[in-house]
Amino acid sequence: MNAANISPIDYTADQDGMIPGERARARVRTRLEFRAGDGPLIAIEPDYAIELERAEQSMVMSWQEDGQPMNAAIPLVEFNEFIGTGKLIIEA
């Protein structure tokens, strides 16, 4: 997605430094726990490789757990807290 086509209402620039539609890789440094919507508590263990895709107001995270594909969209506020506390590192 071209940054020129992003509505200022839809896009929130944050610590992730990504624009909607952009993809990156990340690494979990310490156990991450979050709740996706009203669902169960999700835990991602240290050293898991994460694929990221920036949405307008959330980050979609995908990873492998016990050979099974997993994914969750989390609010940017929570995602950026993981970055700010060093629990998650964006690699590229």
PDB file of N, CA and C in Angstrom:
ATOM      1  N   MET A   1       0.841  -1.174   0.000  1.00  0.00           N
ATOM      2  CA  MET A   1       0.000   0.000   0.000  1.00  0.00           C
ATOM      3  C   MET A   1       0.882   1.231   0.000  1.00  0.00           C
ATOM      4  N   ASN A   2       0.535   2.171  -0.794  1.00  0.00           N
ATOM      5  CA  ASN A   2       1.288   3.408  -0.912  1.00  0.00           C
ATOM      6  C   ASN A   2       0.913   4.345   0.225  1.00  0.00           C
ATOM      7  N   ALA A   3       1.892   4.922   0.894  1.00  0.00           N
ATOM      8  CA  ALA A   3       1.640   5.818   2.023  1.00  0.00           C
ATOM      9  C   ALA A   3       0.792   7.014   1.613  1.00  0.00           C
ATOM     10  N   ALA A   4       0.859   7.434   0.345  1.00  0.00           N
ATOM     11  CA  ALA A   4       0.081   8.570  -0.123  1.00  0.00           C
ATOM     12  C   ALA A   4      -1.411   8.253  -0.152  1.00  0.00           C
ATOM     13  N   ASN A   5      -1.791   6.971  -0.189  1.00  0.00           N
ATOM     14  CA  ASN A   5      -3.190   6.563  -0.244  1.00  0.00           C
ATOM     15  C   ASN A   5      -3.790   6.297   1.122  1.00  0.00           C
ATOM     16  N   ILE A   6      -3.064   6.523   2.186  1.00  0.00           N
ATOM     17  CA  ILE A   6      -3.531   6.225   3.534  1.00  0.00           C
ATOM     18  C   ILE A   6      -4.237   7.439   4.114  1.00  0.00           C
ATOM     19  N   SER A   7      -5.437   7.223   4.595  1.00  0.00           N
ATOM     20  CA  SER A   7      -6.180   8.294   5.231  1.00  0.00           C
ATOM     21  C   SER A   7      -5.553   8.612   6.581  1.00  0.00           C
ATOM     22  N   PRO A   8      -5.371   9.886   6.929  1.00  0.00           N
ATOM     23  CA  PRO A   8      -4.801  10.226   8.235  1.00  0.00           C
ATOM     24  C   PRO A   8      -5.693   9.762   9.388  1.00  0.00           C
ATOM     25  N   ILE A   9      -6.970   9.539   9.123  1.00  0.00           N
ATOM     26  CA  ILE A   9      -7.885   9.049  10.155  1.00  0.00           C
ATOM     27  C   ILE A   9      -7.615   7.567  10.420  1.00  0.00           C
ATOM     28  N   ASP A  10      -7.282   6.796   9.387  1.00  0.00           N
ATOM     29  CA  ASP A  10      -7.104   5.363   9.510  1.00  0.00           C
ATOM     30  C   ASP A  10      -5.722   4.958   9.995  1.00  0.00           C
ATOM     31  N   TYR A  11      -4.727   5.762   9.727  1.00  0.00           N
ATOM     32  CA  TYR A  11      -3.341   5.379   9.993  1.00  0.00           C
ATOM     33  C   TYR A  11      -2.808   6.065  11.234  1.00  0.00           C
ATOM     34  N   THR A  12      -2.265   5.265  12.139  1.00  0.00           N
ATOM     35  CA  THR A  12      -1.634   5.793  13.344  1.00  0.00           C
ATOM     36  C   THR A  12      -0.153   5.441  13.297  1.00  0.00           C
ATOM     37  N   ALA A  13       0.718   6.435  13.141  1.00  0.00           N
ATOM     38  CA  ALA A  13       2.163   6.190  13.155  1.00  0.00           C
ATOM     39  C   ALA A  13       2.564   5.879  14.586  1.00  0.00           C
ATOM     40  N   ASP A  14       3.401   4.876  14.764  1.00  0.00           N
ATOM     41  CA  ASP A  14       3.775   4.470  16.114  1.00  0.00           C
ATOM     42  C   ASP A  14       5.187   3.915  16.117  1.00  0.00           C
ATOM     43  N   GLN A  15       5.563   3.291  17.239  1.00  0.00           N
ATOM     44  CA  GLN A  15       6.916   2.773  17.423  1.00  0.00           C
ATOM     45  C   GLN A  15       7.291   1.708  16.408  1.00  0.00           C
ATOM     46  N   ASP A  16       6.307   1.033  15.850  1.00  0.00           N
ATOM     47  CA  ASP A  16       6.613  -0.033  14.892  1.00  0.00           C
ATOM     48  C   ASP A  16       7.236   0.510  13.617  1.00  0.00           C
ATOM     49  N   GLY A  17       6.993   1.770  13.273  1.00  0.00           N
ATOM     50  CA  GLY A  17       7.594   2.390  12.101  1.00  0.00           C
ATOM     51  C   GLY A  17       7.104   1.831  10.784  1.00  0.00           C
ATOM     52  N   MET A  18       5.992   1.124  10.792  1.00  0.00           N
ATOM     53  CA  MET A  18       5.473   0.484   9.585  1.00  0.00           C
ATOM     54  C   MET A  18       4.212   1.198   9.113  1.00  0.00           C
ATOM     55  N   ILE A  19       3.911   1.065   7.818  1.00  0.00           N
ATOM     56  CA  ILE A  19       2.672   1.592   7.275  1.00  0.00           C
ATOM     57  C   ILE A  19       1.754   0.413   6.953  1.00  0.00           C
ATOM     58  N   PRO A  20       0.442   0.641   6.915  1.00  0.00           N
ATOM     59  CA  PRO A  20      -0.487  -0.453   6.613  1.00  0.00           C
ATOM     60  C   PRO A  20      -0.115  -1.183   5.323  1.00  0.00           C
ATOM     61  N   GLY A  21      -0.161  -2.500   5.391  1.00  0.00           N
ATOM     62  CA  GLY A  21       0.197  -3.353   4.259  1.00  0.00           C
ATOM     63  C   GLY A  21       1.649  -3.794   4.276  1.00  0.00           C
ATOM     64  N   GLU A  22       2.475  -3.125   5.048  1.00  0.00           N
ATOM     65  CA  GLU A  22       3.902  -3.465   5.126  1.00  0.00           C
ATOM     66  C   GLU A  22       4.095  -4.718   5.984  1.00  0.00           C
ATOM     67  N   ARG A  23       5.081  -5.523   5.610  1.00  0.00           N
ATOM     68  CA  ARG A  23       5.392  -6.759   6.332  1.00  0.00           C
ATOM     69  C   ARG A  23       6.802  -6.680   6.899  1.00  0.00           C
ATOM     70  N   ALA A  24       7.017  -7.421   7.984  1.00  0.00           N
ATOM     71  CA  ALA A  24       8.336  -7.482   8.610  1.00  0.00           C
ATOM     72  C   ALA A  24       8.438  -8.777   9.409  1.00  0.00           C
ATOM     73  N   ARG A  25       9.631  -9.032   9.904  1.00  0.00           N
ATOM     74  CA  ARG A  25       9.875 -10.169  10.790  1.00  0.00           C
ATOM     75  C   ARG A  25      10.242  -9.621  12.164  1.00  0.00           C
ATOM     76  N   ALA A  26       9.917 -10.412  13.171  1.00  0.00           N
ATOM     77  CA  ALA A  26      10.246 -10.008  14.536  1.00  0.00           C
ATOM     78  C   ALA A  26      10.636 -11.243  15.332  1.00  0.00           C
ATOM     79  N   ARG A  27      11.249 -11.008  16.477  1.00  0.00           N
ATOM     80  CA  ARG A  27      11.649 -12.094  17.380  1.00  0.00           C
ATOM     81  C   ARG A  27      11.151 -11.762  18.771  1.00  0.00           C
ATOM     82  N   VAL A  28      10.589 -12.775  19.416  1.00  0.00           N
ATOM     83  CA  VAL A  28      10.106 -12.632  20.785  1.00  0.00           C
ATOM     84  C   VAL A  28      11.286 -12.831  21.731  1.00  0.00           C
ATOM     85  N   ARG A  29      11.517 -11.870  22.619  1.00  0.00           N
ATOM     86  CA  ARG A  29      12.643 -11.957  23.568  1.00  0.00           C
ATOM     87  C   ARG A  29      12.214 -12.518  24.913  1.00  0.00           C
ATOM     88  N   THR A  30      11.027 -12.194  25.353  1.00  0.00           N
ATOM     89  CA  THR A  30      10.479 -12.744  26.590  1.00  0.00           C
ATOM     90  C   THR A  30       9.033 -13.144  26.311  1.00  0.00           C
ATOM     91  N   ARG A  31       8.494 -13.994  27.134  1.00  0.00           N
ATOM     92  CA  ARG A  31       7.133 -14.492  26.933  1.00  0.00           C
ATOM     93  C   ARG A  31       6.142 -13.340  26.743  1.00  0.00           C
ATOM     94  N   LEU A  32       5.357 -13.409  25.656  1.00  0.00           N
ATOM     95  CA  LEU A  32       4.314 -12.426  25.392  1.00  0.00           C
ATOM     96  C   LEU A  32       2.972 -13.050  25.736  1.00  0.00           C
ATOM     97  N   GLU A  33       2.153 -12.316  26.427  1.00  0.00           N
ATOM     98  CA  GLU A  33       0.803 -12.769  26.700  1.00  0.00           C
ATOM     99  C   GLU A  33      -0.166 -11.654  26.336  1.00  0.00           C
ATOM    100  N   PHE A  34      -1.215 -12.019  25.621  1.00  0.00           N
ATOM    101  CA  PHE A  34      -2.234 -11.055  25.247  1.00  0.00           C
ATOM    102  C   PHE A  34      -3.523 -11.790  24.950  1.00  0.00           C
ATOM    103  N   ARG A  35      -4.598 -11.052  24.922  1.00  0.00           N
ATOM    104  CA  ARG A  35      -5.902 -11.621  24.613  1.00  0.00           C
ATOM    105  C   ARG A  35      -6.343 -11.032  23.280  1.00  0.00           C
ATOM    106  N   ALA A  36      -6.624 -11.893  22.318  1.00  0.00           N
ATOM    107  CA  ALA A  36      -7.100 -11.453  21.012  1.00  0.00           C
ATOM    108  C   ALA A  36      -8.615 -11.284  21.091  1.00  0.00           C
ATOM    109  N   GLY A  37      -9.065 -10.046  21.153  1.00  0.00           N
ATOM    110  CA  GLY A  37     -10.500  -9.784  21.270  1.00  0.00           C
ATOM    111  C   GLY A  37     -11.053 -10.350  22.567  1.00  0.00           C
ATOM    112  N   ASP A  38     -12.154 -11.081  22.467  1.00  0.00           N
ATOM    113  CA  ASP A  38     -12.777 -11.709  23.632  1.00  0.00           C
ATOM    114  C   ASP A  38     -12.315 -13.150  23.802  1.00  0.00           C
ATOM    115  N   GLY A  39     -11.334 -13.558  23.031  1.00  0.00           N
ATOM    116  CA  GLY A  39     -10.872 -14.945  23.055  1.00  0.00           C
ATOM    117  C   GLY A  39      -9.990 -15.268  24.244  1.00  0.00           C
ATOM    118  N   PRO A  40      -9.397 -16.458  24.206  1.00  0.00           N
ATOM    119  CA  PRO A  40      -8.543 -16.906  25.309  1.00  0.00           C
ATOM    120  C   PRO A  40      -7.213 -16.153  25.343  1.00  0.00           C
ATOM    121  N   LEU A  41      -6.534 -16.252  26.456  1.00  0.00           N
ATOM    122  CA  LEU A  41      -5.205 -15.671  26.600  1.00  0.00           C
ATOM    123  C   LEU A  41      -4.243 -16.432  25.689  1.00  0.00           C
ATOM    124  N   ILE A  42      -3.476 -15.700  24.915  1.00  0.00           N
ATOM    125  CA  ILE A  42      -2.502 -16.287  23.988  1.00  0.00           C
ATOM    126  C   ILE A  42      -1.115 -15.994  24.534  1.00  0.00           C
ATOM    127  N   ALA A  43      -0.264 -17.009  24.537  1.00  0.00           N
ATOM    128  CA  ALA A  43       1.127 -16.842  24.979  1.00  0.00           C
ATOM    129  C   ALA A  43       2.049 -17.221  23.828  1.00  0.00           C
ATOM    130  N   ILE A  44       3.054 -16.385  23.591  1.00  0.00           N
ATOM    131  CA  ILE A  44       4.086 -16.684  22.592  1.00  0.00           C
ATOM    132  C   ILE A  44       5.409 -16.744  23.349  1.00  0.00           C
ATOM    133  N   GLU A  45       6.098 -17.848  23.206  1.00  0.00           N
ATOM    134  CA  GLU A  45       7.319 -18.103  23.962  1.00  0.00           C
ATOM    135  C   GLU A  45       8.536 -17.396  23.367  1.00  0.00           C
ATOM    136  N   PRO A  46       9.572 -17.171  24.176  1.00  0.00           N
ATOM    137  CA  PRO A  46      10.801 -16.531  23.692  1.00  0.00           C
ATOM    138  C   PRO A  46      11.420 -17.297  22.524  1.00  0.00           C
ATOM    139  N   ASP A  47      12.090 -16.538  21.675  1.00  0.00           N
ATOM    140  CA  ASP A  47      12.809 -17.023  20.498  1.00  0.00           C
ATOM    141  C   ASP A  47      11.913 -17.474  19.360  1.00  0.00           C
ATOM    142  N   TYR A  48      10.597 -17.328  19.489  1.00  0.00           N
ATOM    143  CA  TYR A  48       9.723 -17.619  18.350  1.00  0.00           C
ATOM    144  C   TYR A  48       9.936 -16.546  17.289  1.00  0.00           C
ATOM    145  N   ALA A  49       9.983 -16.970  16.046  1.00  0.00           N
ATOM    146  CA  ALA A  49      10.050 -16.038  14.928  1.00  0.00           C
ATOM    147  C   ALA A  49       8.623 -15.651  14.571  1.00  0.00           C
ATOM    148  N   ILE A  50       8.394 -14.374  14.395  1.00  0.00           N
ATOM    149  CA  ILE A  50       7.064 -13.844  14.126  1.00  0.00           C
ATOM    150  C   ILE A  50       7.075 -13.134  12.774  1.00  0.00           C
ATOM    151  N   GLU A  51       6.062 -13.372  11.989  1.00  0.00           N
ATOM    152  CA  GLU A  51       5.829 -12.616  10.757  1.00  0.00           C
ATOM    153  C   GLU A  51       4.812 -11.541  11.102  1.00  0.00           C
ATOM    154  N   LEU A  52       5.071 -10.317  10.696  1.00  0.00           N
ATOM    155  CA  LEU A  52       4.186  -9.202  10.994  1.00  0.00           C
ATOM    156  C   LEU A  52       3.570  -8.644   9.724  1.00  0.00           C
ATOM    157  N   GLU A  53       2.336  -8.221   9.820  1.00  0.00           N
ATOM    158  CA  GLU A  53       1.713  -7.445   8.752  1.00  0.00           C
ATOM    159  C   GLU A  53       0.930  -6.315   9.411  1.00  0.00           C
ATOM    160  N   ARG A  54       1.292  -5.089   9.033  1.00  0.00           N
ATOM    161  CA  ARG A  54       0.673  -3.911   9.645  1.00  0.00           C
ATOM    162  C   ARG A  54      -0.685  -3.667   9.014  1.00  0.00           C
ATOM    163  N   ALA A  55      -1.710  -3.613   9.826  1.00  0.00           N
ATOM    164  CA  ALA A  55      -3.041  -3.207   9.388  1.00  0.00           C
ATOM    165  C   ALA A  55      -3.222  -1.749   9.813  1.00  0.00           C
ATOM    166  N   GLU A  56      -4.376  -1.178   9.533  1.00  0.00           N
ATOM    167  CA  GLU A  56      -4.557   0.240   9.833  1.00  0.00           C
ATOM    168  C   GLU A  56      -4.451   0.554  11.319  1.00  0.00           C
ATOM    169  N   GLN A  57      -5.095  -0.238  12.167  1.00  0.00           N
ATOM    170  CA  GLN A  57      -5.074   0.041  13.600  1.00  0.00           C
ATOM    171  C   GLN A  57      -4.655  -1.164  14.437  1.00  0.00           C
ATOM    172  N   SER A  58      -4.069  -2.169  13.781  1.00  0.00           N
ATOM    173  CA  SER A  58      -3.619  -3.360  14.501  1.00  0.00           C
ATOM    174  C   SER A  58      -2.405  -3.957  13.804  1.00  0.00           C
ATOM    175  N   MET A  59      -1.800  -4.922  14.474  1.00  0.00           N
ATOM    176  CA  MET A  59      -0.683  -5.660  13.890  1.00  0.00           C
ATOM    177  C   MET A  59      -1.101  -7.127  13.847  1.00  0.00           C
ATOM    178  N   VAL A  60      -0.993  -7.730  12.665  1.00  0.00           N
ATOM    179  CA  VAL A  60      -1.289  -9.148  12.520  1.00  0.00           C
ATOM    180  C   VAL A  60       0.022  -9.902  12.698  1.00  0.00           C
ATOM    181  N   MET A  61       0.051 -10.796  13.670  1.00  0.00           N
ATOM    182  CA  MET A  61       1.247 -11.582  13.968  1.00  0.00           C
ATOM    183  C   MET A  61       0.972 -13.037  13.609  1.00  0.00           C
ATOM    184  N   SER A  62       1.920 -13.668  12.909  1.00  0.00           N
ATOM    185  CA  SER A  62       1.805 -15.079  12.536  1.00  0.00           C
ATOM    186  C   SER A  62       3.059 -15.800  13.000  1.00  0.00           C
ATOM    187  N   TRP A  63       2.891 -17.032  13.496  1.00  0.00           N
ATOM    188  CA  TRP A  63       4.011 -17.823  13.983  1.00  0.00           C
ATOM    189  C   TRP A  63       3.639 -19.294  13.950  1.00  0.00           C
ATOM    190  N   GLN A  64       4.631 -20.154  14.183  1.00  0.00           N
ATOM    191  CA  GLN A  64       4.433 -21.603  14.253  1.00  0.00           C
ATOM    192  C   GLN A  64       4.544 -22.039  15.707  1.00  0.00           C
ATOM    193  N   GLU A  65       3.601 -22.844  16.152  1.00  0.00           N
ATOM    194  CA  GLU A  65       3.632 -23.374  17.508  1.00  0.00           C
ATOM    195  C   GLU A  65       3.338 -24.869  17.441  1.00  0.00           C
ATOM    196  N   ASP A  66       4.303 -25.681  17.850  1.00  0.00           N
ATOM    197  CA  ASP A  66       4.163 -27.139  17.774  1.00  0.00           C
ATOM    198  C   ASP A  66       3.794 -27.593  16.366  1.00  0.00           C
ATOM    199  N   GLY A  67       4.401 -26.942  15.362  1.00  0.00           N
ATOM    200  CA  GLY A  67       4.168 -27.303  13.969  1.00  0.00           C
ATOM    201  C   GLY A  67       2.851 -26.794  13.398  1.00  0.00           C
ATOM    202  N   GLN A  68       2.096 -26.060  14.177  1.00  0.00           N
ATOM    203  CA  GLN A  68       0.807 -25.537  13.726  1.00  0.00           C
ATOM    204  C   GLN A  68       0.897 -24.041  13.463  1.00  0.00           C
ATOM    205  N   PRO A  69       0.321 -23.578  12.352  1.00  0.00           N
ATOM    206  CA  PRO A  69       0.320 -22.142  12.095  1.00  0.00           C
ATOM    207  C   PRO A  69      -0.637 -21.424  13.052  1.00  0.00           C
ATOM    208  N   MET A  70      -0.191 -20.313  13.587  1.00  0.00           N
ATOM    209  CA  MET A  70      -0.978 -19.504  14.512  1.00  0.00           C
ATOM    210  C   MET A  70      -0.966 -18.070  14.009  1.00  0.00           C
ATOM    211  N   ASN A  71      -2.023 -17.323  14.289  1.00  0.00           N
ATOM    212  CA  ASN A  71      -2.004 -15.892  13.993  1.00  0.00           C
ATOM    213  C   ASN A  71      -3.005 -15.173  14.872  1.00  0.00           C
ATOM    214  N   ALA A  72      -2.749 -13.898  15.071  1.00  0.00           N
ATOM    215  CA  ALA A  72      -3.614 -13.048  15.881  1.00  0.00           C
ATOM    216  C   ALA A  72      -3.390 -11.601  15.483  1.00  0.00           C
ATOM    217  N   ALA A  73      -4.451 -10.828  15.520  1.00  0.00           N
ATOM    218  CA  ALA A  73      -4.347  -9.383  15.310  1.00  0.00           C
ATOM    219  C   ALA A  73      -4.475  -8.726  16.678  1.00  0.00           C
ATOM    220  N   ILE A  74      -3.513  -7.871  17.007  1.00  0.00           N
ATOM    221  CA  ILE A  74      -3.575  -7.197  18.295  1.00  0.00           C
ATOM    222  C   ILE A  74      -3.556  -5.680  18.079  1.00  0.00           C
ATOM    223  N   PRO A  75      -4.186  -4.930  18.973  1.00  0.00           N
ATOM    224  CA  PRO A  75      -4.194  -3.477  18.838  1.00  0.00           C
ATOM    225  C   PRO A  75      -2.768  -2.925  18.867  1.00  0.00           C
ATOM    226  N   LEU A  76      -2.559  -1.846  18.125  1.00  0.00           N
ATOM    227  CA  LEU A  76      -1.225  -1.237  18.061  1.00  0.00           C
ATOM    228  C   LEU A  76      -0.739  -0.762  19.421  1.00  0.00           C
ATOM    229  N   VAL A  77      -1.625  -0.311  20.269  1.00  0.00           N
ATOM    230  CA  VAL A  77      -1.218   0.148  21.603  1.00  0.00           C
ATOM    231  C   VAL A  77      -0.523  -0.991  22.339  1.00  0.00           C
ATOM    232  N   GLU A  78      -1.112  -2.169  22.293  1.00  0.00           N
ATOM    233  CA  GLU A  78      -0.521  -3.326  22.971  1.00  0.00           C
ATOM    234  C   GLU A  78       0.756  -3.786  22.264  1.00  0.00           C
ATOM    235  N   PHE A  79       0.740  -3.822  20.933  1.00  0.00           N
ATOM    236  CA  PHE A  79       1.918  -4.230  20.170  1.00  0.00           C
ATOM    237  C   PHE A  79       3.098  -3.304  20.463  1.00  0.00           C
ATOM    238  N   ASN A  80       2.852  -2.007  20.450  1.00  0.00           N
ATOM    239  CA  ASN A  80       3.928  -1.044  20.688  1.00  0.00           C
ATOM    240  C   ASN A  80       4.432  -1.091  22.126  1.00  0.00           C
ATOM    241  N   GLU A  81       3.599  -1.530  23.050  1.00  0.00           N
ATOM    242  CA  GLU A  81       4.060  -1.748  24.418  1.00  0.00           C
ATOM    243  C   GLU A  81       5.086  -2.884  24.443  1.00  0.00           C
ATOM    244  N   PHE A  82       4.856  -3.936  23.658  1.00  0.00           N
ATOM    245  CA  PHE A  82       5.820  -5.044  23.564  1.00  0.00           C
ATOM    246  C   PHE A  82       7.155  -4.537  23.025  1.00  0.00           C
ATOM    247  N   ILE A  83       7.116  -3.648  22.037  1.00  0.00           N
ATOM    248  CA  ILE A  83       8.350  -3.085  21.494  1.00  0.00           C
ATOM    249  C   ILE A  83       9.036  -2.192  22.530  1.00  0.00           C
ATOM    250  N   GLY A  84       8.254  -1.325  23.152  1.00  0.00           N
ATOM    251  CA  GLY A  84       8.808  -0.385  24.131  1.00  0.00           C
ATOM    252  C   GLY A  84       9.443  -1.034  25.329  1.00  0.00           C
ATOM    253  N   THR A  85       8.929  -2.194  25.727  1.00  0.00           N
ATOM    254  CA  THR A  85       9.487  -2.902  26.888  1.00  0.00           C
ATOM    255  C   THR A  85      10.561  -3.910  26.483  1.00  0.00           C
ATOM    256  N   GLY A  86      10.850  -4.002  25.181  1.00  0.00           N
ATOM    257  CA  GLY A  86      11.896  -4.921  24.716  1.00  0.00           C
ATOM    258  C   GLY A  86      11.479  -6.375  24.661  1.00  0.00           C
ATOM    259  N   LYS A  87      10.188  -6.665  24.805  1.00  0.00           N
ATOM    260  CA  LYS A  87       9.717  -8.045  24.726  1.00  0.00           C
ATOM    261  C   LYS A  87       9.719  -8.571  23.297  1.00  0.00           C
ATOM    262  N   LEU A  88       9.652  -7.651  22.343  1.00  0.00           N
ATOM    263  CA  LEU A  88       9.593  -8.002  20.931  1.00  0.00           C
ATOM    264  C   LEU A  88      10.528  -7.086  20.167  1.00  0.00           C
ATOM    265  N   ILE A  89      11.291  -7.645  19.259  1.00  0.00           N
ATOM    266  CA  ILE A  89      12.235  -6.875  18.448  1.00  0.00           C
ATOM    267  C   ILE A  89      11.872  -7.065  16.969  1.00  0.00           C
ATOM    268  N   ILE A  90      11.652  -5.965  16.252  1.00  0.00           N
ATOM    269  CA  ILE A  90      11.433  -6.044  14.812  1.00  0.00           C
ATOM    270  C   ILE A  90      12.797  -6.178  14.156  1.00  0.00           C
ATOM    271  N   GLU A  91      12.966  -7.232  13.352  1.00  0.00           N
ATOM    272  CA  GLU A  91      14.276  -7.510  12.739  1.00  0.00           C
ATOM    273  C   GLU A  91      14.406  -6.893  11.364  1.00  0.00           C
ATOM    274  N   ALA A  92      13.381  -6.937  10.555  1.00  0.00           N
ATOM    275  CA  ALA A  92      13.457  -6.372   9.198  1.00  0.00           C
ATOM    276  C   ALA A  92      12.099  -6.356   8.573  1.00  0.00           C
TER     277      ALA A  92
END
